[in-house]
């Protein structure tokens, strides 16, 4: 009779161990899925940042305090600001608030 009692407790132990193993597997799979979605979000954020870096200026640019056409040209990647903005008669007469059109040169690599 003692033997039958130990078989019953062994069976309960094995069932408990089996259930624990399944719970552990579910937790592991959940963590892997969550980590994968976090990587996708990080990749999306990186892609957005790269896109912003590729296009540092809007098409219509408002000149700020202390800016020159030269600094704006370097910042925005547009070496032809004067040519593309016929309302700028004197390149030295640039003032804060002036609206200029920016057409950056795209470099395909």
PDB file of N, CA and C in Angstrom:
ATOM      1  N   UNK A   1       0.813  -1.179   0.000  1.00  0.00           N
ATOM      2  CA  UNK A   1       0.000   0.000   0.000  1.00  0.00           C
ATOM      3  C   UNK A   1       0.860   1.247   0.000  1.00  0.00           C
ATOM      4  N   UNK A   2       1.981   1.172   0.579  1.00  0.00           N
ATOM      5  CA  UNK A   2       2.906   2.282   0.600  1.00  0.00           C
ATOM      6  C   UNK A   2       3.393   2.602  -0.813  1.00  0.00           C
ATOM      7  N   UNK A   3       3.542   1.555  -1.618  1.00  0.00           N
ATOM      8  CA  UNK A   3       4.005   1.714  -2.984  1.00  0.00           C
ATOM      9  C   UNK A   3       2.972   2.457  -3.823  1.00  0.00           C
ATOM     10  N   UNK A   4       1.702   2.154  -3.649  1.00  0.00           N
ATOM     11  CA  UNK A   4       0.640   2.813  -4.398  1.00  0.00           C
ATOM     12  C   UNK A   4       0.570   4.282  -4.031  1.00  0.00           C
ATOM     13  N   UNK A   5       0.809   4.620  -2.791  1.00  0.00           N
ATOM     14  CA  UNK A   5       0.787   6.013  -2.355  1.00  0.00           C
ATOM     15  C   UNK A   5       1.915   6.810  -2.972  1.00  0.00           C
ATOM     16  N   UNK A   6       3.080   6.207  -3.110  1.00  0.00           N
ATOM     17  CA  UNK A   6       4.215   6.933  -3.693  1.00  0.00           C
ATOM     18  C   UNK A   6       4.036   7.116  -5.195  1.00  0.00           C
ATOM     19  N   UNK A   7       3.344   6.157  -5.853  1.00  0.00           N
ATOM     20  CA  UNK A   7       3.069   6.312  -7.283  1.00  0.00           C
ATOM     21  C   UNK A   7       2.112   7.471  -7.515  1.00  0.00           C
ATOM     22  N   UNK A   8       1.158   7.627  -6.653  1.00  0.00           N
ATOM     23  CA  UNK A   8       0.195   8.723  -6.780  1.00  0.00           C
ATOM     24  C   UNK A   8       0.866  10.070  -6.612  1.00  0.00           C
ATOM     25  N   UNK A   9       1.768  10.177  -5.637  1.00  0.00           N
ATOM     26  CA  UNK A   9       2.457  11.456  -5.431  1.00  0.00           C
ATOM     27  C   UNK A   9       3.449  11.723  -6.561  1.00  0.00           C
ATOM     28  N   UNK A  10       4.056  10.666  -7.109  1.00  0.00           N
ATOM     29  CA  UNK A  10       4.964  10.833  -8.244  1.00  0.00           C
ATOM     30  C   UNK A  10       4.192  11.307  -9.460  1.00  0.00           C
ATOM     31  N   UNK A  11       3.004  10.755  -9.672  1.00  0.00           N
ATOM     32  CA  UNK A  11       2.162  11.150 -10.799  1.00  0.00           C
ATOM     33  C   UNK A  11       1.757  12.617 -10.674  1.00  0.00           C
ATOM     34  N   UNK A  12       1.392  13.043  -9.464  1.00  0.00           N
ATOM     35  CA  UNK A  12       1.029  14.446  -9.246  1.00  0.00           C
ATOM     36  C   UNK A  12       2.231  15.356  -9.489  1.00  0.00           C
ATOM     37  N   UNK A  13       3.395  14.904  -9.041  1.00  0.00           N
ATOM     38  CA  UNK A  13       4.617  15.684  -9.231  1.00  0.00           C
ATOM     39  C   UNK A  13       4.930  15.855 -10.717  1.00  0.00           C
ATOM     40  N   UNK A  14       4.773  14.748 -11.487  1.00  0.00           N
ATOM     41  CA  UNK A  14       5.049  14.813 -12.919  1.00  0.00           C
ATOM     42  C   UNK A  14       4.060  15.726 -13.637  1.00  0.00           C
ATOM     43  N   UNK A  15       2.792  15.678 -13.233  1.00  0.00           N
ATOM     44  CA  UNK A  15       1.787  16.562 -13.833  1.00  0.00           C
ATOM     45  C   UNK A  15       2.112  18.022 -13.523  1.00  0.00           C
ATOM     46  N   UNK A  16       2.520  18.268 -12.296  1.00  0.00           N
ATOM     47  CA  UNK A  16       2.881  19.623 -11.890  1.00  0.00           C
ATOM     48  C   UNK A  16       4.112  20.114 -12.659  1.00  0.00           C
ATOM     49  N   UNK A  17       5.104  19.243 -12.807  1.00  0.00           N
ATOM     50  CA  UNK A  17       6.313  19.603 -13.543  1.00  0.00           C
ATOM     51  C   UNK A  17       5.994  19.861 -15.013  1.00  0.00           C
ATOM     52  N   UNK A  18       5.103  19.039 -15.580  1.00  0.00           N
ATOM     53  CA  UNK A  18       4.708  19.212 -16.975  1.00  0.00           C
ATOM     54  C   UNK A  18       3.996  20.552 -17.170  1.00  0.00           C
ATOM     55  N   UNK A  19       3.089  20.885 -16.256  1.00  0.00           N
ATOM     56  CA  UNK A  19       2.372  22.158 -16.340  1.00  0.00           C
ATOM     57  C   UNK A  19       3.345  23.330 -16.201  1.00  0.00           C
ATOM     58  N   UNK A  20       4.296  23.222 -15.293  1.00  0.00           N
ATOM     59  CA  UNK A  20       5.291  24.280 -15.103  1.00  0.00           C
ATOM     60  C   UNK A  20       6.126  24.471 -16.364  1.00  0.00           C
ATOM     61  N   UNK A  21       6.448  23.386 -17.012  1.00  0.00           N
ATOM     62  CA  UNK A  21       7.230  23.447 -18.242  1.00  0.00           C
ATOM     63  C   UNK A  21       6.456  24.193 -19.330  1.00  0.00           C
ATOM     64  N   UNK A  22       5.154  23.900 -19.446  1.00  0.00           N
ATOM     65  CA  UNK A  22       4.326  24.579 -20.441  1.00  0.00           C
ATOM     66  C   UNK A  22       4.199  26.065 -20.133  1.00  0.00           C
ATOM     67  N   UNK A  23       4.000  26.406 -18.868  1.00  0.00           N
ATOM     68  CA  UNK A  23       3.910  27.820 -18.492  1.00  0.00           C
ATOM     69  C   UNK A  23       5.219  28.542 -18.815  1.00  0.00           C
ATOM     70  N   UNK A  24       6.322  27.882 -18.545  1.00  0.00           N
ATOM     71  CA  UNK A  24       7.626  28.468 -18.860  1.00  0.00           C
ATOM     72  C   UNK A  24       7.792  28.695 -20.352  1.00  0.00           C
ATOM     73  N   UNK A  25       7.328  27.729 -21.152  1.00  0.00           N
ATOM     74  CA  UNK A  25       7.422  27.854 -22.605  1.00  0.00           C
ATOM     75  C   UNK A  25       6.565  29.017 -23.107  1.00  0.00           C
ATOM     76  N   UNK A  26       5.362  29.154 -22.548  1.00  0.00           N
ATOM     77  CA  UNK A  26       4.471  30.253 -22.944  1.00  0.00           C
ATOM     78  C   UNK A  26       5.110  31.601 -22.601  1.00  0.00           C
ATOM     79  N   UNK A  27       5.685  31.703 -21.408  1.00  0.00           N
ATOM     80  CA  UNK A  27       6.348  32.945 -21.000  1.00  0.00           C
ATOM     81  C   UNK A  27       7.525  33.244 -21.926  1.00  0.00           C
ATOM     82  N   UNK A  28       8.297  32.244 -22.271  1.00  0.00           N
ATOM     83  CA  UNK A  28       9.449  32.427 -23.147  1.00  0.00           C
ATOM     84  C   UNK A  28       9.022  32.909 -24.532  1.00  0.00           C
ATOM     85  N   UNK A  29       8.001  32.286 -25.100  1.00  0.00           N
ATOM     86  CA  UNK A  29       7.504  32.694 -26.414  1.00  0.00           C
ATOM     87  C   UNK A  29       6.982  34.127 -26.360  1.00  0.00           C
ATOM     88  N   UNK A  30       6.270  34.480 -25.291  1.00  0.00           N
ATOM     89  CA  UNK A  30       5.754  35.844 -25.136  1.00  0.00           C
ATOM     90  C   UNK A  30       6.890  36.855 -25.096  1.00  0.00           C
ATOM     91  N   UNK A  31       7.934  36.554 -24.346  1.00  0.00           N
ATOM     92  CA  UNK A  31       9.078  37.463 -24.263  1.00  0.00           C
ATOM     93  C   UNK A  31       9.768  37.623 -25.615  1.00  0.00           C
ATOM     94  N   UNK A  32       9.886  36.540 -26.351  1.00  0.00           N
ATOM     95  CA  UNK A  32      10.511  36.608 -27.676  1.00  0.00           C
ATOM     96  C   UNK A  32       9.679  37.482 -28.610  1.00  0.00           C
ATOM     97  N   UNK A  33       8.360  37.313 -28.583  1.00  0.00           N
ATOM     98  CA  UNK A  33       7.491  38.121 -29.438  1.00  0.00           C
ATOM     99  C   UNK A  33       7.553  39.597 -29.061  1.00  0.00           C
ATOM    100  N   UNK A  34       7.560  39.887 -27.776  1.00  0.00           N
ATOM    101  CA  UNK A  34       7.643  41.281 -27.333  1.00  0.00           C
ATOM    102  C   UNK A  34       8.974  41.901 -27.727  1.00  0.00           C
ATOM    103  N   UNK A  35      10.034  41.154 -27.608  1.00  0.00           N
ATOM    104  CA  UNK A  35      11.354  41.667 -27.993  1.00  0.00           C
ATOM    105  C   UNK A  35      11.398  41.933 -29.494  1.00  0.00           C
ATOM    106  N   UNK A  36      10.770  41.081 -30.277  1.00  0.00           N
ATOM    107  CA  UNK A  36      10.731  41.275 -31.723  1.00  0.00           C
ATOM    108  C   UNK A  36       9.960  42.516 -32.116  1.00  0.00           C
ATOM    109  N   UNK A  37       8.844  42.798 -31.447  1.00  0.00           N
ATOM    110  CA  UNK A  37       8.070  43.994 -31.774  1.00  0.00           C
ATOM    111  C   UNK A  37       8.807  45.249 -31.347  1.00  0.00           C
ATOM    112  N   UNK A  38       9.577  45.186 -30.272  1.00  0.00           N
ATOM    113  CA  UNK A  38      10.374  46.342 -29.848  1.00  0.00           C
ATOM    114  C   UNK A  38      11.455  46.629 -30.885  1.00  0.00           C
ATOM    115  N   UNK A  39      12.034  45.590 -31.466  1.00  0.00           N
ATOM    116  CA  UNK A  39      13.036  45.776 -32.517  1.00  0.00           C
ATOM    117  C   UNK A  39      12.418  46.431 -33.745  1.00  0.00           C
ATOM    118  N   UNK A  40      11.189  46.036 -34.093  1.00  0.00           N
ATOM    119  CA  UNK A  40      10.511  46.631 -35.242  1.00  0.00           C
ATOM    120  C   UNK A  40      10.246  48.111 -34.999  1.00  0.00           C
ATOM    121  N   UNK A  41       9.820  48.469 -33.781  1.00  0.00           N
ATOM    122  CA  UNK A  41       9.599  49.878 -33.457  1.00  0.00           C
ATOM    123  C   UNK A  41      10.897  50.657 -33.545  1.00  0.00           C
ATOM    124  N   UNK A  42      11.965  50.101 -33.034  1.00  0.00           N
ATOM    125  CA  UNK A  42      13.267  50.775 -33.079  1.00  0.00           C
ATOM    126  C   UNK A  42      13.716  50.960 -34.527  1.00  0.00           C
ATOM    127  N   UNK A  43      13.494  49.962 -35.372  1.00  0.00           N
ATOM    128  CA  UNK A  43      13.854  50.080 -36.786  1.00  0.00           C
ATOM    129  C   UNK A  43      13.040  51.178 -37.466  1.00  0.00           C
ATOM    130  N   UNK A  44      11.757  51.268 -37.118  1.00  0.00           N
ATOM    131  CA  UNK A  44      10.902  52.300 -37.697  1.00  0.00           C
ATOM    132  C   UNK A  44      11.364  53.696 -37.268  1.00  0.00           C
ATOM    133  N   UNK A  45      11.735  53.839 -36.009  1.00  0.00           N
ATOM    134  CA  UNK A  45      12.232  55.127 -35.515  1.00  0.00           C
ATOM    135  C   UNK A  45      13.527  55.494 -36.228  1.00  0.00           C
ATOM    136  N   UNK A  46      14.422  54.511 -36.385  1.00  0.00           N
ATOM    137  CA  UNK A  46      15.682  54.769 -37.095  1.00  0.00           C
ATOM    138  C   UNK A  46      15.427  55.192 -38.541  1.00  0.00           C
ATOM    139  N   UNK A  47      14.471  54.555 -39.202  1.00  0.00           N
ATOM    140  CA  UNK A  47      14.157  54.902 -40.589  1.00  0.00           C
ATOM    141  C   UNK A  47      13.621  56.327 -40.680  1.00  0.00           C
ATOM    142  N   UNK A  48      12.768  56.720 -39.726  1.00  0.00           N
ATOM    143  CA  UNK A  48      12.243  58.088 -39.715  1.00  0.00           C
ATOM    144  C   UNK A  48      13.358  59.101 -39.502  1.00  0.00           C
ATOM    145  N   UNK A  49      14.289  58.801 -38.603  1.00  0.00           N
ATOM    146  CA  UNK A  49      15.413  59.706 -38.359  1.00  0.00           C
ATOM    147  C   UNK A  49      16.295  59.834 -39.596  1.00  0.00           C
ATOM    148  N   UNK A  50      16.545  58.711 -40.269  1.00  0.00           N
ATOM    149  CA  UNK A  50      17.346  58.755 -41.492  1.00  0.00           C
ATOM    150  C   UNK A  50      16.670  59.623 -42.547  1.00  0.00           C
ATOM    151  N   UNK A  51      15.346  59.492 -42.670  1.00  0.00           N
ATOM    152  CA  UNK A  51      14.602  60.279 -43.650  1.00  0.00           C
ATOM    153  C   UNK A  51      14.700  61.764 -43.326  1.00  0.00           C
ATOM    154  N   UNK A  52      14.610  62.116 -42.048  1.00  0.00           N
ATOM    155  CA  UNK A  52      14.733  63.515 -41.647  1.00  0.00           C
ATOM    156  C   UNK A  52      16.135  64.042 -41.916  1.00  0.00           C
ATOM    157  N   UNK A  53      17.135  63.205 -41.727  1.00  0.00           N
ATOM    158  CA  UNK A  53      18.506  63.635 -41.986  1.00  0.00           C
ATOM    159  C   UNK A  53      18.750  63.816 -43.477  1.00  0.00           C
ATOM    160  N   UNK A  54      18.103  63.005 -44.297  1.00  0.00           N
ATOM    161  CA  UNK A  54      18.262  63.147 -45.736  1.00  0.00           C
ATOM    162  C   UNK A  54      17.593  64.416 -46.246  1.00  0.00           C
ATOM    163  N   UNK A  55      16.574  64.880 -45.540  1.00  0.00           N
ATOM    164  CA  UNK A  55      15.856  66.090 -45.932  1.00  0.00           C
ATOM    165  C   UNK A  55      15.861  67.051 -44.743  1.00  0.00           C
ATOM    166  N   UNK A  56      16.957  67.799 -44.566  1.00  0.00           N
ATOM    167  CA  UNK A  56      17.091  68.636 -43.382  1.00  0.00           C
ATOM    168  C   UNK A  56      16.235  69.899 -43.403  1.00  0.00           C
ATOM    169  N   UNK A  57      15.758  70.326 -44.571  1.00  0.00           N
ATOM    170  CA  UNK A  57      14.990  71.570 -44.662  1.00  0.00           C
ATOM    171  C   UNK A  57      13.685  71.330 -45.414  1.00  0.00           C
ATOM    172  N   UNK A  58      12.676  72.111 -45.054  1.00  0.00           N
ATOM    173  CA  UNK A  58      11.418  72.066 -45.792  1.00  0.00           C
ATOM    174  C   UNK A  58      11.600  72.775 -47.130  1.00  0.00           C
ATOM    175  N   UNK A  59      10.636  72.577 -48.024  1.00  0.00           N
ATOM    176  CA  UNK A  59      10.722  73.208 -49.342  1.00  0.00           C
ATOM    177  C   UNK A  59      10.666  74.728 -49.224  1.00  0.00           C
ATOM    178  N   UNK A  60       9.859  75.223 -48.302  1.00  0.00           N
ATOM    179  CA  UNK A  60       9.809  76.658 -48.017  1.00  0.00           C
ATOM    180  C   UNK A  60      10.549  76.881 -46.712  1.00  0.00           C
ATOM    181  N   UNK A  61      11.574  77.703 -46.758  1.00  0.00           N
ATOM    182  CA  UNK A  61      12.456  77.912 -45.604  1.00  0.00           C
ATOM    183  C   UNK A  61      12.328  79.353 -45.133  1.00  0.00           C
ATOM    184  N   UNK A  62      12.231  79.532 -43.822  1.00  0.00           N
ATOM    185  CA  UNK A  62      12.175  80.867 -43.229  1.00  0.00           C
ATOM    186  C   UNK A  62      13.558  81.184 -42.675  1.00  0.00           C
ATOM    187  N   UNK A  63      14.149  82.258 -43.181  1.00  0.00           N
ATOM    188  CA  UNK A  63      15.493  82.650 -42.749  1.00  0.00           C
ATOM    189  C   UNK A  63      15.453  83.057 -41.283  1.00  0.00           C
ATOM    190  N   UNK A  64      16.411  82.564 -40.527  1.00  0.00           N
ATOM    191  CA  UNK A  64      16.508  82.883 -39.108  1.00  0.00           C
ATOM    192  C   UNK A  64      17.568  83.937 -38.834  1.00  0.00           C
ATOM    193  N   UNK A  65      17.610  84.403 -37.594  1.00  0.00           N
ATOM    194  CA  UNK A  65      18.570  85.417 -37.159  1.00  0.00           C
ATOM    195  C   UNK A  65      20.003  84.916 -37.359  1.00  0.00           C
ATOM    196  N   UNK A  66      20.830  85.730 -38.006  1.00  0.00           N
ATOM    197  CA  UNK A  66      22.242  85.405 -38.183  1.00  0.00           C
ATOM    198  C   UNK A  66      22.546  84.455 -39.328  1.00  0.00           C
ATOM    199  N   UNK A  67      21.536  84.024 -40.070  1.00  0.00           N
ATOM    200  CA  UNK A  67      21.779  83.105 -41.184  1.00  0.00           C
ATOM    201  C   UNK A  67      22.147  83.879 -42.445  1.00  0.00           C
ATOM    202  N   UNK A  68      22.966  83.257 -43.254  1.00  0.00           N
ATOM    203  CA  UNK A  68      23.322  83.802 -44.563  1.00  0.00           C
ATOM    204  C   UNK A  68      22.920  82.785 -45.621  1.00  0.00           C
ATOM    205  N   UNK A  69      22.916  83.228 -46.874  1.00  0.00           N
ATOM    206  CA  UNK A  69      22.592  82.275 -47.938  1.00  0.00           C
ATOM    207  C   UNK A  69      23.607  81.140 -47.983  1.00  0.00           C
ATOM    208  N   UNK A  70      24.835  81.452 -47.653  1.00  0.00           N
ATOM    209  CA  UNK A  70      25.877  80.420 -47.647  1.00  0.00           C
ATOM    210  C   UNK A  70      25.589  79.358 -46.579  1.00  0.00           C
ATOM    211  N   UNK A  71      25.253  79.781 -45.357  1.00  0.00           N
ATOM    212  CA  UNK A  71      24.986  78.799 -44.293  1.00  0.00           C
ATOM    213  C   UNK A  71      23.717  78.002 -44.583  1.00  0.00           C
ATOM    214  N   UNK A  72      22.723  78.668 -45.147  1.00  0.00           N
ATOM    215  CA  UNK A  72      21.478  77.966 -45.494  1.00  0.00           C
ATOM    216  C   UNK A  72      21.751  76.962 -46.616  1.00  0.00           C
ATOM    217  N   UNK A  73      22.557  77.363 -47.586  1.00  0.00           N
ATOM    218  CA  UNK A  73      22.914  76.478 -48.692  1.00  0.00           C
ATOM    219  C   UNK A  73      23.608  75.221 -48.191  1.00  0.00           C
ATOM    220  N   UNK A  74      24.540  75.384 -47.262  1.00  0.00           N
ATOM    221  CA  UNK A  74      25.233  74.222 -46.694  1.00  0.00           C
ATOM    222  C   UNK A  74      24.287  73.353 -45.874  1.00  0.00           C
ATOM    223  N   UNK A  75      23.468  74.003 -45.062  1.00  0.00           N
ATOM    224  CA  UNK A  75      22.556  73.273 -44.179  1.00  0.00           C
ATOM    225  C   UNK A  75      21.532  72.467 -44.978  1.00  0.00           C
ATOM    226  N   UNK A  76      21.007  73.068 -46.035  1.00  0.00           N
ATOM    227  CA  UNK A  76      19.904  72.447 -46.773  1.00  0.00           C
ATOM    228  C   UNK A  76      20.339  71.702 -48.033  1.00  0.00           C
ATOM    229  N   UNK A  77      21.599  71.820 -48.403  1.00  0.00           N
ATOM    230  CA  UNK A  77      22.073  71.109 -49.587  1.00  0.00           C
ATOM    231  C   UNK A  77      21.576  71.700 -50.887  1.00  0.00           C
ATOM    232  N   UNK A  78      21.385  73.021 -50.920  1.00  0.00           N
ATOM    233  CA  UNK A  78      20.910  73.696 -52.123  1.00  0.00           C
ATOM    234  C   UNK A  78      21.910  74.774 -52.536  1.00  0.00           C
ATOM    235  N   UNK A  79      22.792  74.470 -53.494  1.00  0.00           N
ATOM    236  CA  UNK A  79      23.788  75.465 -53.902  1.00  0.00           C
ATOM    237  C   UNK A  79      23.235  76.547 -54.835  1.00  0.00           C
ATOM    238  N   UNK A  80      21.971  76.413 -55.248  1.00  0.00           N
ATOM    239  CA  UNK A  80      21.400  77.354 -56.211  1.00  0.00           C
ATOM    240  C   UNK A  80      20.246  78.157 -55.618  1.00  0.00           C
ATOM    241  N   UNK A  81      20.371  78.565 -54.369  1.00  0.00           N
ATOM    242  CA  UNK A  81      19.284  79.302 -53.713  1.00  0.00           C
ATOM    243  C   UNK A  81      18.970  80.585 -54.468  1.00  0.00           C
ATOM    244  N   UNK A  82      19.974  81.357 -54.837  1.00  0.00           N
ATOM    245  CA  UNK A  82      19.750  82.638 -55.519  1.00  0.00           C
ATOM    246  C   UNK A  82      19.097  82.408 -56.872  1.00  0.00           C
ATOM    247  N   UNK A  83      19.550  81.403 -57.604  1.00  0.00           N
ATOM    248  CA  UNK A  83      18.987  81.120 -58.928  1.00  0.00           C
ATOM    249  C   UNK A  83      17.519  80.706 -58.842  1.00  0.00           C
ATOM    250  N   UNK A  84      17.156  79.982 -57.786  1.00  0.00           N
ATOM    251  CA  UNK A  84      15.792  79.465 -57.655  1.00  0.00           C
ATOM    252  C   UNK A  84      14.849  80.416 -56.932  1.00  0.00           C
ATOM    253  N   UNK A  85      15.344  81.568 -56.503  1.00  0.00           N
ATOM    254  CA  UNK A  85      14.522  82.552 -55.792  1.00  0.00           C
ATOM    255  C   UNK A  85      14.701  83.918 -56.441  1.00  0.00           C
ATOM    256  N   UNK A  86      13.929  84.192 -57.516  1.00  0.00           N
ATOM    257  CA  UNK A  86      14.112  85.452 -58.249  1.00  0.00           C
ATOM    258  C   UNK A  86      13.785  86.703 -57.416  1.00  0.00           C
ATOM    259  N   UNK A  87      13.091  86.544 -56.308  1.00  0.00           N
ATOM    260  CA  UNK A  87      12.773  87.708 -55.471  1.00  0.00           C
ATOM    261  C   UNK A  87      13.974  88.170 -54.647  1.00  0.00           C
ATOM    262  N   UNK A  88      15.068  87.394 -54.640  1.00  0.00           N
ATOM    263  CA  UNK A  88      16.295  87.805 -53.956  1.00  0.00           C
ATOM    264  C   UNK A  88      17.168  88.509 -54.997  1.00  0.00           C
ATOM    265  N   UNK A  89      17.160  89.851 -54.943  1.00  0.00           N
ATOM    266  CA  UNK A  89      17.928  90.628 -55.919  1.00  0.00           C
ATOM    267  C   UNK A  89      19.377  90.787 -55.479  1.00  0.00           C
ATOM    268  N   UNK A  90      19.591  90.898 -54.178  1.00  0.00           N
ATOM    269  CA  UNK A  90      20.939  91.071 -53.639  1.00  0.00           C
ATOM    270  C   UNK A  90      21.205  89.946 -52.639  1.00  0.00           C
ATOM    271  N   UNK A  91      22.115  89.026 -52.958  1.00  0.00           N
ATOM    272  CA  UNK A  91      22.390  87.902 -52.052  1.00  0.00           C
ATOM    273  C   UNK A  91      22.862  88.332 -50.666  1.00  0.00           C
ATOM    274  N   UNK A  92      23.375  89.554 -50.555  1.00  0.00           N
ATOM    275  CA  UNK A  92      23.815  90.045 -49.247  1.00  0.00           C
ATOM    276  C   UNK A  92      22.671  90.630 -48.432  1.00  0.00           C
ATOM    277  N   UNK A  93      21.514  90.817 -49.059  1.00  0.00           N
ATOM    278  CA  UNK A  93      20.366  91.428 -48.373  1.00  0.00           C
ATOM    279  C   UNK A  93      19.380  90.344 -47.930  1.00  0.00           C
ATOM    280  N   UNK A  94      19.816  89.531 -46.981  1.00  0.00           N
ATOM    281  CA  UNK A  94      18.981  88.457 -46.436  1.00  0.00           C
ATOM    282  C   UNK A  94      18.675  88.816 -44.991  1.00  0.00           C
ATOM    283  N   UNK A  95      17.409  88.689 -44.610  1.00  0.00           N
ATOM    284  CA  UNK A  95      16.988  89.107 -43.272  1.00  0.00           C
ATOM    285  C   UNK A  95      16.092  88.045 -42.646  1.00  0.00           C
ATOM    286  N   UNK A  96      16.012  88.032 -41.312  1.00  0.00           N
ATOM    287  CA  UNK A  96      15.149  87.060 -40.626  1.00  0.00           C
ATOM    288  C   UNK A  96      13.696  87.219 -41.064  1.00  0.00           C
ATOM    289  N   UNK A  97      13.063  86.094 -41.352  1.00  0.00           N
ATOM    290  CA  UNK A  97      11.668  86.088 -41.781  1.00  0.00           C
ATOM    291  C   UNK A  97      11.504  85.975 -43.286  1.00  0.00           C
ATOM    292  N   UNK A  98      12.586  86.175 -44.041  1.00  0.00           N
ATOM    293  CA  UNK A  98      12.532  86.053 -45.494  1.00  0.00           C
ATOM    294  C   UNK A  98      12.220  84.605 -45.863  1.00  0.00           C
ATOM    295  N   UNK A  99      11.270  84.417 -46.775  1.00  0.00           N
ATOM    296  CA  UNK A  99      10.906  83.074 -47.245  1.00  0.00           C
ATOM    297  C   UNK A  99      11.685  82.760 -48.507  1.00  0.00           C
ATOM    298  N   UNK A 100      12.305  81.599 -48.516  1.00  0.00           N
ATOM    299  CA  UNK A 100      13.028  81.171 -49.709  1.00  0.00           C
ATOM    300  C   UNK A 100      12.652  79.734 -50.047  1.00  0.00           C
ATOM    301  N   UNK A 101      12.744  79.444 -51.340  1.00  0.00           N
ATOM    302  CA  UNK A 101      12.447  78.094 -51.822  1.00  0.00           C
ATOM    303  C   UNK A 101      13.736  77.284 -51.798  1.00  0.00           C
ATOM    304  N   UNK A 102      13.654  76.077 -51.243  1.00  0.00           N
ATOM    305  CA  UNK A 102      14.803  75.183 -51.153  1.00  0.00           C
ATOM    306  C   UNK A 102      14.571  73.996 -52.082  1.00  0.00           C
ATOM    307  N   UNK A 103      15.542  73.727 -52.940  1.00  0.00           N
ATOM    308  CA  UNK A 103      15.498  72.537 -53.800  1.00  0.00           C
ATOM    309  C   UNK A 103      16.830  71.811 -53.659  1.00  0.00           C
ATOM    310  N   UNK A 104      16.920  70.940 -52.647  1.00  0.00           N
ATOM    311  CA  UNK A 104      18.192  70.253 -52.405  1.00  0.00           C
ATOM    312  C   UNK A 104      18.554  69.320 -53.548  1.00  0.00           C
ATOM    313  N   UNK A 105      19.836  69.202 -53.767  1.00  0.00           N
ATOM    314  CA  UNK A 105      20.338  68.273 -54.780  1.00  0.00           C
ATOM    315  C   UNK A 105      20.309  66.882 -54.176  1.00  0.00           C
ATOM    316  N   UNK A 106      19.657  65.947 -54.859  1.00  0.00           N
ATOM    317  CA  UNK A 106      19.623  64.571 -54.352  1.00  0.00           C
ATOM    318  C   UNK A 106      20.772  63.798 -54.962  1.00  0.00           C
ATOM    319  N   UNK A 107      21.488  63.101 -54.089  1.00  0.00           N
ATOM    320  CA  UNK A 107      22.616  62.279 -54.525  1.00  0.00           C
ATOM    321  C   UNK A 107      22.194  60.827 -54.426  1.00  0.00           C
ATOM    322  N   UNK A 108      22.112  60.164 -55.556  1.00  0.00           N
ATOM    323  CA  UNK A 108      21.732  58.743 -55.559  1.00  0.00           C
ATOM    324  C   UNK A 108      22.968  57.897 -55.381  1.00  0.00           C
ATOM    325  N   UNK A 109      22.938  57.053 -54.324  1.00  0.00           N
ATOM    326  CA  UNK A 109      24.083  56.175 -54.103  1.00  0.00           C
ATOM    327  C   UNK A 109      23.674  54.740 -54.192  1.00  0.00           C
TER     328      UNK A 109
END
